Amino acid sequence: MLMKKPFPFLTRIDKARVASTQEVVTRAKSGMQAYVKALTQEGKKSDEIIEHLADGTVAQVIGRIGLSATNPTGLACSKGCAFCCILLGDDGGTITEKEAITLYSALLPFANRPDGRSWHPRACPSLNPETLECRAYEARPMICRSYISTDLEACKKVSNGETADGPGTLAPYHTYLASLGISRAALKGFKRVSTFSMFRLASEAIAGTMLEEALSKSRHKASELDAELKRSKKDLLRAK
C-alpha cells in the first residue's frame, strides 16, 4: 500500500476506542504513540509503520517492555511444571500475526514428532512430552510470557477446570491486548489486524502444514479479539 500523504497515526491512535479500563488504554496509547514517533524519526515510511501495527509488532514490543519492568515475587513456576500448558477450550490463547509466524518457525523442525498431547490430550503442542519443557520457549507469545502463578496446587485445579486463586496474567498482557484493539481501530479501512489461535497454529506447525495454510486455519474471526478484550477488562475490574 503506497501512501500519498503521511498517515495520521497519532490522531487515529488517540481517537481509537477499545474495551479496557481507562488506565490500560492510556498506557497502551502512550506506548504506541511513542513507538510510532520513534519509527518516524528513524525514517520509516507510513506503509512500514502500518505493517508494524497490523502484524502486532507494536503490541508485542509494548507488552515486552512492560514485562521487563515487572518483577513478580513468590512464584511457584518452575522448569518442567506444565499445568499452565494444559489448555482449557480449543483456542489456547490469542496471538498476533508476528507471534504466529515466529512460533510456527520455532515448531516446524519438530513436525510429525510426538508433542505435548502425548502427555495430556489438552496440552499445548509446543511441549516436549518427555521433559514437559516448551520447545519454542524463546518464541513463546505474550500470553505465555505473562501467565504466572503463586500456587502450584491452584495450577493443578485450574488445569482440571476448577476455580482457584494463584494463577493469572501480569498487567502488561492487558496493555498488549489493548494495543492490538487500538491498532485495529486505528487502521480500520486501511489494513486488517488479525489475531490467531495459539493452539491451532501450534497444532498445524507440528503437523507440518505450510505457513500460509497454517495461518489461514488458525486465524480468528474479528469478534474474537473483541471478546478477549472484554474478558481482559472483566479480569481487571475484578482484581480491583
C-alpha atoms as a PDB file:
ATOM      1  CA  MET A   1       0.000   0.000   0.000  1.00  0.00           C
ATOM      2  CA  LEU A   2       1.583   3.280  -1.085  1.00  0.00           C
ATOM      3  CA  MET A   3       0.516   6.289   0.953  1.00  0.00           C
ATOM      4  CA  LYS A   4       0.130   9.553  -0.993  1.00  0.00           C
ATOM      5  CA  LYS A   5       0.431  11.600   2.181  1.00  0.00           C
ATOM      6  CA  PRO A   6       1.527  10.879   5.771  1.00  0.00           C
ATOM      7  CA  PHE A   7      -0.902   8.639   7.611  1.00  0.00           C
ATOM      8  CA  PRO A   8      -2.369  10.408  10.689  1.00  0.00           C
ATOM      9  CA  PHE A   9      -1.142   7.732  13.110  1.00  0.00           C
ATOM     10  CA  LEU A  10      -1.116   9.779  16.302  1.00  0.00           C
ATOM     11  CA  THR A  11      -4.600  11.191  15.715  1.00  0.00           C
ATOM     12  CA  ARG A  12      -6.095   7.809  14.854  1.00  0.00           C
ATOM     13  CA  ILE A  13      -4.450   6.141  17.858  1.00  0.00           C
ATOM     14  CA  ASP A  14      -5.674   8.919  20.146  1.00  0.00           C
ATOM     15  CA  LYS A  15      -9.255   8.639  18.870  1.00  0.00           C
ATOM     16  CA  ALA A  16      -9.381   4.825  18.876  1.00  0.00           C
ATOM     17  CA  ARG A  17     -11.839   3.219  21.265  1.00  0.00           C
ATOM     18  CA  VAL A  18     -11.294  -0.175  22.817  1.00  0.00           C
ATOM     19  CA  ALA A  19     -12.875  -2.257  25.581  1.00  0.00           C
ATOM     20  CA  SER A  20     -10.494  -1.984  28.536  1.00  0.00           C
ATOM     21  CA  THR A  21     -10.006   0.125  31.635  1.00  0.00           C
ATOM     22  CA  GLN A  22      -9.044   3.765  31.180  1.00  0.00           C
ATOM     23  CA  GLU A  23      -5.704   3.175  32.888  1.00  0.00           C
ATOM     24  CA  VAL A  24      -4.755   0.396  30.476  1.00  0.00           C
ATOM     25  CA  VAL A  25      -5.991   2.297  27.418  1.00  0.00           C
ATOM     26  CA  THR A  26      -3.992   5.373  28.414  1.00  0.00           C
ATOM     27  CA  ARG A  27      -0.859   3.291  28.952  1.00  0.00           C
ATOM     28  CA  ALA A  28      -1.304   1.480  25.626  1.00  0.00           C
ATOM     29  CA  LYS A  29      -1.899   4.670  23.637  1.00  0.00           C
ATOM     30  CA  SER A  30       1.076   6.385  25.225  1.00  0.00           C
ATOM     31  CA  GLY A  31       3.357   3.474  24.361  1.00  0.00           C
ATOM     32  CA  MET A  32       2.011   3.202  20.821  1.00  0.00           C
ATOM     33  CA  GLN A  33       2.430   6.895  20.100  1.00  0.00           C
ATOM     34  CA  ALA A  34       5.982   6.837  21.441  1.00  0.00           C
ATOM     35  CA  TYR A  35       6.778   3.827  19.263  1.00  0.00           C
ATOM     36  CA  VAL A  36       5.298   5.405  16.125  1.00  0.00           C
ATOM     37  CA  LYS A  37       7.239   8.631  16.775  1.00  0.00           C
ATOM     38  CA  ALA A  38      10.440   6.610  17.147  1.00  0.00           C
ATOM     39  CA  LEU A  39       9.825   4.804  13.847  1.00  0.00           C
ATOM     40  CA  THR A  40       9.089   8.100  12.123  1.00  0.00           C
ATOM     41  CA  GLN A  41      12.330   9.586  13.430  1.00  0.00           C
ATOM     42  CA  GLU A  42      14.160   6.528  12.075  1.00  0.00           C
ATOM     43  CA  GLY A  43      12.805   7.397   8.650  1.00  0.00           C
ATOM     44  CA  LYS A  44      10.271   4.568   8.401  1.00  0.00           C
ATOM     45  CA  LYS A  45       7.587   5.167   5.788  1.00  0.00           C
ATOM     46  CA  SER A  46       3.873   5.069   6.551  1.00  0.00           C
ATOM     47  CA  ASP A  47       3.458   1.663   4.899  1.00  0.00           C
ATOM     48  CA  GLU A  48       6.127   0.166   7.145  1.00  0.00           C
ATOM     49  CA  ILE A  49       4.605   1.632  10.301  1.00  0.00           C
ATOM     50  CA  ILE A  50       1.165   0.365   9.283  1.00  0.00           C
ATOM     51  CA  GLU A  51       2.652  -3.115   8.916  1.00  0.00           C
ATOM     52  CA  HIS A  52       4.195  -2.891  12.407  1.00  0.00           C
ATOM     53  CA  LEU A  53       0.766  -2.065  13.814  1.00  0.00           C
ATOM     54  CA  ALA A  54      -1.113  -4.641  11.747  1.00  0.00           C
ATOM     55  CA  ASP A  55       1.099  -7.665  12.409  1.00  0.00           C
ATOM     56  CA  GLY A  56       1.228  -6.985  16.156  1.00  0.00           C
ATOM     57  CA  THR A  57       4.854  -5.889  16.357  1.00  0.00           C
ATOM     58  CA  VAL A  58       3.908  -2.686  18.185  1.00  0.00           C
ATOM     59  CA  ALA A  59       1.692  -4.506  20.683  1.00  0.00           C
ATOM     60  CA  GLN A  60       4.386  -7.146  21.257  1.00  0.00           C
ATOM     61  CA  VAL A  61       7.099  -4.549  21.908  1.00  0.00           C
ATOM     62  CA  ILE A  62       4.895  -2.622  24.342  1.00  0.00           C
ATOM     63  CA  GLY A  63       3.990  -5.826  26.164  1.00  0.00           C
ATOM     64  CA  ARG A  64       7.577  -6.992  26.474  1.00  0.00           C
ATOM     65  CA  ILE A  65       8.784  -3.598  27.690  1.00  0.00           C
ATOM     66  CA  GLY A  66       6.110  -3.798  30.375  1.00  0.00           C
ATOM     67  CA  LEU A  67       7.222  -7.299  31.359  1.00  0.00           C
ATOM     68  CA  SER A  68      10.866  -6.220  31.572  1.00  0.00           C
ATOM     69  CA  ALA A  69       9.845  -3.671  34.203  1.00  0.00           C
ATOM     70  CA  THR A  70       7.782  -6.213  36.156  1.00  0.00           C
ATOM     71  CA  ASN A  71       9.368  -8.277  38.909  1.00  0.00           C
ATOM     72  CA  PRO A  72       6.769 -10.587  40.490  1.00  0.00           C
ATOM     73  CA  THR A  73       7.835 -12.458  43.628  1.00  0.00           C
ATOM     74  CA  GLY A  74       6.743 -15.652  45.356  1.00  0.00           C
ATOM     75  CA  LEU A  75       6.160 -17.539  42.112  1.00  0.00           C
ATOM     76  CA  ALA A  76       5.505 -21.271  42.104  1.00  0.00           C
ATOM     77  CA  CYS A  77       6.580 -21.581  38.458  1.00  0.00           C
ATOM     78  CA  SER A  78       9.488 -23.933  37.753  1.00  0.00           C
ATOM     79  CA  LYS A  79      11.147 -25.738  34.847  1.00  0.00           C
ATOM     80  CA  GLY A  80       9.114 -28.737  33.701  1.00  0.00           C
ATOM     81  CA  CYS A  81       5.957 -27.603  35.514  1.00  0.00           C
ATOM     82  CA  ALA A  82       3.406 -27.557  32.710  1.00  0.00           C
ATOM     83  CA  PHE A  83      -0.029 -27.336  34.287  1.00  0.00           C
ATOM     84  CA  CYS A  84      -0.485 -23.894  32.707  1.00  0.00           C
ATOM     85  CA  CYS A  85       0.162 -25.574  29.334  1.00  0.00           C
ATOM     86  CA  ILE A  86      -2.954 -27.720  29.699  1.00  0.00           C
ATOM     87  CA  LEU A  87      -5.276 -25.561  27.643  1.00  0.00           C
ATOM     88  CA  LEU A  88      -8.938 -25.246  28.526  1.00  0.00           C
ATOM     89  CA  GLY A  89     -11.023 -24.949  25.371  1.00  0.00           C
ATOM     90  CA  ASP A  90      -9.813 -25.225  21.785  1.00  0.00           C
ATOM     91  CA  ASP A  91      -8.165 -21.828  21.382  1.00  0.00           C
ATOM     92  CA  GLY A  92      -5.191 -21.774  23.733  1.00  0.00           C
ATOM     93  CA  GLY A  93      -4.851 -18.008  23.681  1.00  0.00           C
ATOM     94  CA  THR A  94      -4.929 -15.007  21.367  1.00  0.00           C
ATOM     95  CA  ILE A  95      -1.705 -14.260  19.487  1.00  0.00           C
ATOM     96  CA  THR A  96      -0.672 -11.773  16.801  1.00  0.00           C
ATOM     97  CA  GLU A  97       0.412 -12.482  13.236  1.00  0.00           C
ATOM     98  CA  LYS A  98       4.021 -11.717  14.187  1.00  0.00           C
ATOM     99  CA  GLU A  99       3.846 -14.147  17.103  1.00  0.00           C
ATOM    100  CA  ALA A 100       2.120 -16.778  14.966  1.00  0.00           C
ATOM    101  CA  ILE A 101       4.849 -16.700  12.304  1.00  0.00           C
ATOM    102  CA  THR A 102       7.615 -16.775  14.926  1.00  0.00           C
ATOM    103  CA  LEU A 103       6.008 -19.669  16.776  1.00  0.00           C
ATOM    104  CA  TYR A 104       5.449 -21.579  13.539  1.00  0.00           C
ATOM    105  CA  SER A 105       9.123 -21.236  12.574  1.00  0.00           C
ATOM    106  CA  ALA A 106      10.242 -22.466  16.004  1.00  0.00           C
ATOM    107  CA  LEU A 107       7.969 -25.531  15.936  1.00  0.00           C
ATOM    108  CA  LEU A 108       8.304 -26.625  12.312  1.00  0.00           C
ATOM    109  CA  PRO A 109      11.581 -28.544  12.968  1.00  0.00           C
ATOM    110  CA  PHE A 110       9.564 -30.773  15.324  1.00  0.00           C
ATOM    111  CA  ALA A 111       6.918 -31.595  12.721  1.00  0.00           C
ATOM    112  CA  ASN A 112       5.432 -35.084  12.914  1.00  0.00           C
ATOM    113  CA  ARG A 113       7.100 -35.844  16.252  1.00  0.00           C
ATOM    114  CA  PRO A 114       5.239 -36.641  19.491  1.00  0.00           C
ATOM    115  CA  ASP A 115       4.202 -33.438  21.227  1.00  0.00           C
ATOM    116  CA  GLY A 116       2.594 -32.315  24.467  1.00  0.00           C
ATOM    117  CA  ARG A 117      -0.668 -34.047  23.620  1.00  0.00           C
ATOM    118  CA  SER A 118       1.089 -37.376  24.150  1.00  0.00           C
ATOM    119  CA  TRP A 119       1.352 -36.358  27.810  1.00  0.00           C
ATOM    120  CA  HIS A 120      -2.102 -34.810  28.147  1.00  0.00           C
ATOM    121  CA  PRO A 121      -4.812 -34.620  25.453  1.00  0.00           C
ATOM    122  CA  ARG A 122      -5.366 -30.904  26.068  1.00  0.00           C
ATOM    123  CA  ALA A 123      -1.706 -29.921  26.392  1.00  0.00           C
ATOM    124  CA  CYS A 124      -0.052 -27.341  24.165  1.00  0.00           C
ATOM    125  CA  PRO A 125       1.581 -28.950  21.098  1.00  0.00           C
ATOM    126  CA  SER A 126       4.701 -26.883  21.830  1.00  0.00           C
ATOM    127  CA  LEU A 127       5.570 -29.102  24.802  1.00  0.00           C
ATOM    128  CA  ASN A 128       8.207 -31.800  24.785  1.00  0.00           C
ATOM    129  CA  PRO A 129       6.125 -34.767  26.044  1.00  0.00           C
ATOM    130  CA  GLU A 130       9.055 -36.284  27.938  1.00  0.00           C
ATOM    131  CA  THR A 131      10.559 -33.255  29.710  1.00  0.00           C
ATOM    132  CA  LEU A 132       7.392 -31.093  29.716  1.00  0.00           C
ATOM    133  CA  GLU A 133       9.545 -28.164  28.633  1.00  0.00           C
ATOM    134  CA  CYS A 134       8.497 -25.779  25.866  1.00  0.00           C
ATOM    135  CA  ARG A 135      10.223 -26.477  22.563  1.00  0.00           C
ATOM    136  CA  ALA A 136       9.512 -22.928  21.444  1.00  0.00           C
ATOM    137  CA  TYR A 137      10.383 -21.174  24.703  1.00  0.00           C
ATOM    138  CA  GLU A 138      12.261 -18.265  23.128  1.00  0.00           C
ATOM    139  CA  ALA A 139       9.437 -17.818  20.600  1.00  0.00           C
ATOM    140  CA  ARG A 140       6.585 -18.106  23.083  1.00  0.00           C
ATOM    141  CA  PRO A 141       3.896 -15.417  22.668  1.00  0.00           C
ATOM    142  CA  MET A 142       2.821 -12.782  25.152  1.00  0.00           C
ATOM    143  CA  ILE A 143       0.068 -14.915  26.674  1.00  0.00           C
ATOM    144  CA  CYS A 144       2.686 -17.445  27.803  1.00  0.00           C
ATOM    145  CA  ARG A 145       5.258 -14.890  28.939  1.00  0.00           C
ATOM    146  CA  SER A 146       2.786 -13.054  31.157  1.00  0.00           C
ATOM    147  CA  TYR A 147       0.984 -16.016  32.760  1.00  0.00           C
ATOM    148  CA  ILE A 148       2.291 -16.723  36.274  1.00  0.00           C
ATOM    149  CA  SER A 149       1.198 -18.446  39.460  1.00  0.00           C
ATOM    150  CA  THR A 150       1.965 -18.285  43.161  1.00  0.00           C
ATOM    151  CA  ASP A 151       0.353 -21.631  43.999  1.00  0.00           C
ATOM    152  CA  LEU A 152       1.178 -24.977  42.386  1.00  0.00           C
ATOM    153  CA  GLU A 153      -1.896 -26.720  43.785  1.00  0.00           C
ATOM    154  CA  ALA A 154      -4.065 -23.956  42.363  1.00  0.00           C
ATOM    155  CA  CYS A 155      -2.497 -24.575  38.945  1.00  0.00           C
ATOM    156  CA  LYS A 156      -3.437 -28.244  39.169  1.00  0.00           C
ATOM    157  CA  LYS A 157      -7.027 -27.314  39.999  1.00  0.00           C
ATOM    158  CA  VAL A 158      -7.281 -24.772  37.168  1.00  0.00           C
ATOM    159  CA  SER A 159      -5.900 -27.335  34.699  1.00  0.00           C
ATOM    160  CA  ASN A 160      -8.840 -29.542  35.675  1.00  0.00           C
ATOM    161  CA  GLY A 161     -11.333 -26.753  35.043  1.00  0.00           C
ATOM    162  CA  GLU A 162     -11.740 -25.754  38.684  1.00  0.00           C
ATOM    163  CA  THR A 163     -11.593 -22.208  40.040  1.00  0.00           C
ATOM    164  CA  ALA A 164      -8.625 -21.347  42.250  1.00  0.00           C
ATOM    165  CA  ASP A 165      -6.618 -18.296  43.298  1.00  0.00           C
ATOM    166  CA  GLY A 166      -2.974 -18.197  42.323  1.00  0.00           C
ATOM    167  CA  PRO A 167      -2.617 -18.300  38.535  1.00  0.00           C
ATOM    168  CA  GLY A 168      -3.171 -15.171  36.456  1.00  0.00           C
ATOM    169  CA  THR A 169      -1.800 -12.803  33.853  1.00  0.00           C
ATOM    170  CA  LEU A 170       0.524  -9.912  34.590  1.00  0.00           C
ATOM    171  CA  ALA A 171      -0.607  -6.360  33.803  1.00  0.00           C
ATOM    172  CA  PRO A 172       1.496  -5.980  30.603  1.00  0.00           C
ATOM    173  CA  TYR A 173      -0.634  -8.637  28.915  1.00  0.00           C
ATOM    174  CA  HIS A 174      -3.695  -6.404  29.236  1.00  0.00           C
ATOM    175  CA  THR A 175      -1.756  -3.467  27.792  1.00  0.00           C
ATOM    176  CA  TYR A 176      -0.653  -5.672  24.906  1.00  0.00           C
ATOM    177  CA  LEU A 177      -4.261  -6.681  24.201  1.00  0.00           C
ATOM    178  CA  ALA A 178      -5.454  -3.080  24.354  1.00  0.00           C
ATOM    179  CA  SER A 179      -2.688  -2.126  21.918  1.00  0.00           C
ATOM    180  CA  LEU A 180      -3.973  -4.736  19.482  1.00  0.00           C
ATOM    181  CA  GLY A 181      -7.509  -3.410  19.780  1.00  0.00           C
ATOM    182  CA  ILE A 182      -6.308   0.162  19.300  1.00  0.00           C
ATOM    183  CA  SER A 183      -4.271  -0.892  16.260  1.00  0.00           C
ATOM    184  CA  ARG A 184      -7.352  -2.470  14.705  1.00  0.00           C
ATOM    185  CA  ALA A 185      -9.453   0.640  15.326  1.00  0.00           C
ATOM    186  CA  ALA A 186      -6.713   2.992  14.075  1.00  0.00           C
ATOM    187  CA  LEU A 187      -6.197   1.035  10.853  1.00  0.00           C
ATOM    188  CA  LYS A 188      -9.863   0.439  10.079  1.00  0.00           C
ATOM    189  CA  GLY A 189     -10.383   0.842   6.347  1.00  0.00           C
ATOM    190  CA  PHE A 190      -6.658   0.608   5.594  1.00  0.00           C
ATOM    191  CA  LYS A 191      -5.273  -2.694   6.856  1.00  0.00           C
ATOM    192  CA  ARG A 192      -6.669  -5.791   8.573  1.00  0.00           C
ATOM    193  CA  VAL A 193      -5.332  -6.569  12.034  1.00  0.00           C
ATOM    194  CA  SER A 194      -5.722 -10.319  12.529  1.00  0.00           C
ATOM    195  CA  THR A 195      -5.329 -12.470  15.618  1.00  0.00           C
ATOM    196  CA  PHE A 196      -4.786 -16.207  15.748  1.00  0.00           C
ATOM    197  CA  SER A 197      -5.436 -19.248  17.910  1.00  0.00           C
ATOM    198  CA  MET A 198      -2.181 -20.298  19.568  1.00  0.00           C
ATOM    199  CA  PHE A 199      -3.299 -23.921  19.934  1.00  0.00           C
ATOM    200  CA  ARG A 200      -4.428 -24.237  16.330  1.00  0.00           C
ATOM    201  CA  LEU A 201      -1.288 -22.572  14.962  1.00  0.00           C
ATOM    202  CA  ALA A 202       0.987 -24.800  17.039  1.00  0.00           C
ATOM    203  CA  SER A 203      -1.008 -27.876  16.003  1.00  0.00           C
ATOM    204  CA  GLU A 204      -0.674 -27.018  12.323  1.00  0.00           C
ATOM    205  CA  ALA A 205       3.077 -26.380  12.660  1.00  0.00           C
ATOM    206  CA  ILE A 206       3.575 -29.750  14.374  1.00  0.00           C
ATOM    207  CA  ALA A 207       1.546 -31.369  11.587  1.00  0.00           C
ATOM    208  CA  GLY A 208       3.930 -29.873   9.018  1.00  0.00           C
ATOM    209  CA  THR A 209       1.282 -27.671   7.397  1.00  0.00           C
ATOM    210  CA  MET A 210       2.643 -24.940   5.111  1.00  0.00           C
ATOM    211  CA  LEU A 211       2.784 -21.495   6.731  1.00  0.00           C
ATOM    212  CA  GLU A 212       0.045 -19.758   4.730  1.00  0.00           C
ATOM    213  CA  GLU A 213      -2.355 -22.637   5.273  1.00  0.00           C
ATOM    214  CA  ALA A 214      -1.486 -22.789   8.983  1.00  0.00           C
ATOM    215  CA  LEU A 215      -2.204 -19.075   9.315  1.00  0.00           C
ATOM    216  CA  SER A 216      -5.462 -19.426   7.406  1.00  0.00           C
ATOM    217  CA  LYS A 217      -6.652 -22.312   9.581  1.00  0.00           C
ATOM    218  CA  SER A 218      -5.741 -20.610  12.850  1.00  0.00           C
ATOM    219  CA  ARG A 219      -6.935 -17.081  12.020  1.00  0.00           C
ATOM    220  CA  HIS A 220      -9.627 -15.796  14.369  1.00  0.00           C
ATOM    221  CA  LYS A 221     -12.910 -14.242  13.399  1.00  0.00           C
ATOM    222  CA  ALA A 222     -12.802 -10.489  14.022  1.00  0.00           C
ATOM    223  CA  SER A 223     -15.122 -10.883  17.019  1.00  0.00           C
ATOM    224  CA  GLU A 224     -12.608 -12.983  18.967  1.00  0.00           C
ATOM    225  CA  LEU A 225     -10.291 -10.069  19.785  1.00  0.00           C
ATOM    226  CA  ASP A 226     -13.293  -8.065  20.987  1.00  0.00           C
ATOM    227  CA  ALA A 227     -14.339 -10.981  23.194  1.00  0.00           C
ATOM    228  CA  GLU A 228     -10.815 -11.349  24.607  1.00  0.00           C
ATOM    229  CA  LEU A 229     -10.661  -7.625  25.360  1.00  0.00           C
ATOM    230  CA  LYS A 230     -13.949  -7.836  27.241  1.00  0.00           C
ATOM    231  CA  ARG A 231     -12.653 -10.809  29.253  1.00  0.00           C
ATOM    232  CA  SER A 232      -9.495  -8.832  29.993  1.00  0.00           C
ATOM    233  CA  LYS A 233     -11.495  -5.853  31.214  1.00  0.00           C
ATOM    234  CA  LYS A 234     -13.607  -8.059  33.495  1.00  0.00           C
ATOM    235  CA  ASP A 235     -10.448  -9.565  34.989  1.00  0.00           C
ATOM    236  CA  LEU A 236      -9.009  -6.123  35.613  1.00  0.00           C
ATOM    237  CA  LEU A 237     -12.176  -4.824  37.266  1.00  0.00           C
ATOM    238  CA  ARG A 238     -12.465  -7.974  39.370  1.00  0.00           C
ATOM    239  CA  ALA A 239      -8.903  -7.514  40.632  1.00  0.00           C
ATOM    240  CA  LYS A 240      -9.625  -4.006  41.956  1.00  0.00           C
END
